[in-house]
């Protein structure tokens, strides 16, 4: 199972974590991505397929303290903030001026 944190603009700011199968995860995060915007997922696979892949996730919440890592981040209502995310939608590709030196070293070793 892969853990996906949901980032949205809800006032409760819970940013819950849900589990996905490997197959579901690969649909949501293709080509080694670990960041996705829901509107982009829907555009890429279609609304029906997006609903089909996401519906089972909502039945698999996991407590943050029990999650063995966050494997991907799915953003809701984030299209207007797209410019702040790496264009590759990979965490390791953040603009170096936006991260710490320790992150730069870590991310460089994983590109």
C-alpha atoms as a PDB file:
ATOM      1  CA  UNK A   1       0.000   0.000   0.000  1.00  0.00           C
ATOM      2  CA  UNK A   2       1.062   3.584  -0.661  1.00  0.00           C
ATOM      3  CA  UNK A   3       0.108   6.518   1.558  1.00  0.00           C
ATOM      4  CA  UNK A   4      -1.279   9.659  -0.054  1.00  0.00           C
ATOM      5  CA  UNK A   5      -1.687  12.911   1.848  1.00  0.00           C
ATOM      6  CA  UNK A   6      -4.566  15.078   0.670  1.00  0.00           C
ATOM      7  CA  UNK A   7      -3.903  18.814   0.715  1.00  0.00           C
ATOM      8  CA  UNK A   8      -6.950  20.990   0.215  1.00  0.00           C
ATOM      9  CA  UNK A   9      -8.189  24.388   1.191  1.00  0.00           C
ATOM     10  CA  UNK A  10     -10.629  23.162   3.812  1.00  0.00           C
ATOM     11  CA  UNK A  11     -10.749  25.322   6.902  1.00  0.00           C
ATOM     12  CA  UNK A  12     -10.198  22.302   9.162  1.00  0.00           C
ATOM     13  CA  UNK A  13      -6.710  21.823   7.646  1.00  0.00           C
ATOM     14  CA  UNK A  14      -6.576  18.151   8.623  1.00  0.00           C
ATOM     15  CA  UNK A  15      -4.644  17.111   5.494  1.00  0.00           C
ATOM     16  CA  UNK A  16      -5.667  13.494   5.946  1.00  0.00           C
ATOM     17  CA  UNK A  17      -3.756  10.456   4.723  1.00  0.00           C
ATOM     18  CA  UNK A  18      -5.332   7.604   2.762  1.00  0.00           C
ATOM     19  CA  UNK A  19      -3.922   4.330   1.479  1.00  0.00           C
ATOM     20  CA  UNK A  20      -3.825   3.347  -2.183  1.00  0.00           C
ATOM     21  CA  UNK A  21      -2.906   0.088  -3.816  1.00  0.00           C
ATOM     22  CA  UNK A  22       0.202   0.145  -5.973  1.00  0.00           C
ATOM     23  CA  UNK A  23      -2.025   0.090  -9.063  1.00  0.00           C
ATOM     24  CA  UNK A  24      -4.167   3.008  -7.855  1.00  0.00           C
ATOM     25  CA  UNK A  25      -1.065   4.961  -6.907  1.00  0.00           C
ATOM     26  CA  UNK A  26       0.434   4.505 -10.383  1.00  0.00           C
ATOM     27  CA  UNK A  27      -2.726   5.881 -11.997  1.00  0.00           C
ATOM     28  CA  UNK A  28      -2.696   8.942  -9.736  1.00  0.00           C
ATOM     29  CA  UNK A  29       1.092   9.443  -9.849  1.00  0.00           C
ATOM     30  CA  UNK A  30       2.449   8.166 -13.198  1.00  0.00           C
ATOM     31  CA  UNK A  31       6.054   8.318 -14.380  1.00  0.00           C
ATOM     32  CA  UNK A  32       7.654   8.530 -10.941  1.00  0.00           C
ATOM     33  CA  UNK A  33       5.655  11.550  -9.793  1.00  0.00           C
ATOM     34  CA  UNK A  34       4.802  12.021  -6.140  1.00  0.00           C
ATOM     35  CA  UNK A  35       2.801  15.246  -6.530  1.00  0.00           C
ATOM     36  CA  UNK A  36      -0.489  15.630  -8.405  1.00  0.00           C
ATOM     37  CA  UNK A  37      -3.262  18.198  -8.715  1.00  0.00           C
ATOM     38  CA  UNK A  38      -6.752  16.693  -8.842  1.00  0.00           C
ATOM     39  CA  UNK A  39      -7.750  18.801 -11.845  1.00  0.00           C
ATOM     40  CA  UNK A  40      -4.744  17.452 -13.763  1.00  0.00           C
ATOM     41  CA  UNK A  41      -5.622  13.871 -12.830  1.00  0.00           C
ATOM     42  CA  UNK A  42      -9.170  14.374 -14.098  1.00  0.00           C
ATOM     43  CA  UNK A  43      -7.914  15.955 -17.316  1.00  0.00           C
ATOM     44  CA  UNK A  44      -5.426  13.119 -17.846  1.00  0.00           C
ATOM     45  CA  UNK A  45      -7.659  10.096 -17.147  1.00  0.00           C
ATOM     46  CA  UNK A  46     -11.189  11.504 -17.349  1.00  0.00           C
ATOM     47  CA  UNK A  47     -13.663  12.134 -14.566  1.00  0.00           C
ATOM     48  CA  UNK A  48     -15.122   8.622 -14.547  1.00  0.00           C
ATOM     49  CA  UNK A  49     -11.690   6.965 -14.245  1.00  0.00           C
ATOM     50  CA  UNK A  50     -10.588   9.467 -11.597  1.00  0.00           C
ATOM     51  CA  UNK A  51     -13.669   8.723  -9.497  1.00  0.00           C
ATOM     52  CA  UNK A  52     -13.109   4.987  -9.957  1.00  0.00           C
ATOM     53  CA  UNK A  53      -9.503   5.145  -8.776  1.00  0.00           C
ATOM     54  CA  UNK A  54     -10.152   7.573  -5.905  1.00  0.00           C
ATOM     55  CA  UNK A  55     -13.367   6.099  -4.463  1.00  0.00           C
ATOM     56  CA  UNK A  56     -11.641   3.139  -2.788  1.00  0.00           C
ATOM     57  CA  UNK A  57      -9.099   5.477  -1.172  1.00  0.00           C
ATOM     58  CA  UNK A  58     -11.744   7.262   0.860  1.00  0.00           C
ATOM     59  CA  UNK A  59     -12.506   3.891   2.492  1.00  0.00           C
ATOM     60  CA  UNK A  60      -8.860   3.496   3.549  1.00  0.00           C
ATOM     61  CA  UNK A  61      -7.935   6.366   5.869  1.00  0.00           C
ATOM     62  CA  UNK A  62      -4.873   5.917   8.032  1.00  0.00           C
ATOM     63  CA  UNK A  63      -3.763   7.882  11.061  1.00  0.00           C
ATOM     64  CA  UNK A  64      -0.680   9.969  10.398  1.00  0.00           C
ATOM     65  CA  UNK A  65       1.066   8.405  13.366  1.00  0.00           C
ATOM     66  CA  UNK A  66       0.501   4.943  11.857  1.00  0.00           C
ATOM     67  CA  UNK A  67       1.596   5.824   8.327  1.00  0.00           C
ATOM     68  CA  UNK A  68       4.955   4.426   7.333  1.00  0.00           C
ATOM     69  CA  UNK A  69       5.806   7.399   5.147  1.00  0.00           C
ATOM     70  CA  UNK A  70       3.980   9.644   2.713  1.00  0.00           C
ATOM     71  CA  UNK A  71       4.429   8.380  -0.825  1.00  0.00           C
ATOM     72  CA  UNK A  72       2.470  11.068  -2.647  1.00  0.00           C
ATOM     73  CA  UNK A  73       0.621  14.344  -2.191  1.00  0.00           C
ATOM     74  CA  UNK A  74      -2.671  15.006  -3.965  1.00  0.00           C
ATOM     75  CA  UNK A  75      -3.734  18.657  -4.082  1.00  0.00           C
ATOM     76  CA  UNK A  76      -7.352  19.768  -4.349  1.00  0.00           C
ATOM     77  CA  UNK A  77      -8.320  23.283  -5.525  1.00  0.00           C
ATOM     78  CA  UNK A  78      -4.674  24.076  -6.150  1.00  0.00           C
ATOM     79  CA  UNK A  79      -4.631  24.905  -9.874  1.00  0.00           C
ATOM     80  CA  UNK A  80      -4.030  28.580  -9.209  1.00  0.00           C
ATOM     81  CA  UNK A  81      -0.928  27.649  -7.189  1.00  0.00           C
ATOM     82  CA  UNK A  82       0.536  25.366  -9.856  1.00  0.00           C
ATOM     83  CA  UNK A  83       3.483  27.723 -10.358  1.00  0.00           C
ATOM     84  CA  UNK A  84       4.674  26.927  -6.832  1.00  0.00           C
ATOM     85  CA  UNK A  85       5.001  23.199  -7.533  1.00  0.00           C
ATOM     86  CA  UNK A  86       7.824  21.573  -9.506  1.00  0.00           C
ATOM     87  CA  UNK A  87       6.740  21.230 -13.146  1.00  0.00           C
ATOM     88  CA  UNK A  88       7.819  17.574 -13.048  1.00  0.00           C
ATOM     89  CA  UNK A  89       5.542  16.944 -10.055  1.00  0.00           C
ATOM     90  CA  UNK A  90       8.415  15.230  -8.254  1.00  0.00           C
ATOM     91  CA  UNK A  91       9.438  16.327  -4.778  1.00  0.00           C
ATOM     92  CA  UNK A  92      13.128  16.006  -5.634  1.00  0.00           C
ATOM     93  CA  UNK A  93      12.774  18.677  -8.336  1.00  0.00           C
ATOM     94  CA  UNK A  94      11.894  21.679  -6.140  1.00  0.00           C
ATOM     95  CA  UNK A  95      13.583  24.908  -7.182  1.00  0.00           C
ATOM     96  CA  UNK A  96      16.802  24.959  -5.165  1.00  0.00           C
ATOM     97  CA  UNK A  97      16.217  28.508  -3.925  1.00  0.00           C
ATOM     98  CA  UNK A  98      13.024  27.293  -2.225  1.00  0.00           C
ATOM     99  CA  UNK A  99      14.614  24.562  -0.101  1.00  0.00           C
ATOM    100  CA  UNK A 100      17.328  24.180   2.507  1.00  0.00           C
ATOM    101  CA  UNK A 101      20.876  23.095   1.766  1.00  0.00           C
ATOM    102  CA  UNK A 102      20.219  19.759   3.449  1.00  0.00           C
ATOM    103  CA  UNK A 103      17.221  19.218   1.147  1.00  0.00           C
ATOM    104  CA  UNK A 104      19.348  20.176  -1.876  1.00  0.00           C
ATOM    105  CA  UNK A 105      21.903  17.508  -0.998  1.00  0.00           C
ATOM    106  CA  UNK A 106      19.207  14.894  -0.362  1.00  0.00           C
ATOM    107  CA  UNK A 107      17.216  15.674  -3.500  1.00  0.00           C
ATOM    108  CA  UNK A 108      20.313  15.780  -5.736  1.00  0.00           C
ATOM    109  CA  UNK A 109      21.155  12.248  -4.651  1.00  0.00           C
ATOM    110  CA  UNK A 110      17.694  11.042  -5.742  1.00  0.00           C
ATOM    111  CA  UNK A 111      17.362  12.657  -9.162  1.00  0.00           C
END
